[in-house]
């Protein structure tokens, strides 16, 4: 898997839309996400994992736990992750938007989960659902990794380097 683009809004500490173009780093092949403690590095990795699996890297945070606390009900939360794999490109998108219940005035959440294959003619929808599971299964089938395995391989948790070195191939 080669990351191409990551976009997020009202996700973690990012209230405003953030877009990262990973193709700018193609020349070297490797890149490092660095910055001060609390700068949002882990949230970027969480966004990629969330787009694929609808769970953050630790597996304990869903939409409610990842939504920026400063976001109002008019601001949707979304993550969108584009990546290349075996000569094809894919986009995984998760979004939560809100409407206001006319009787109670309370916000009502609406979730959307989508997976596309990116083609020259435009994105081709592969999966779409109000529930996360079908799109998550598509990520697992493409990557041959579940969320836990992806987190272990792609996102090296702080302090777990020794565990990674000792991990079996399974």
Foldseek 3Di string as FASTA:
>chain_A
DAWAKKWWDQWAQHPHIDIDGSVVVVVPPDDDDDDDPPPCSQSRQQLQLCLQAQAGLVRPDHPVRTGNPPDDLQRKTKMWTWDDDPHWIKIWMKIWHWDADPVPRDTDIFIKTWMWIQDPVGTHTDDIDSDHPVSNVVSCVRVVDHSNRCSVPVPPDPPCPVVSVPDDPD
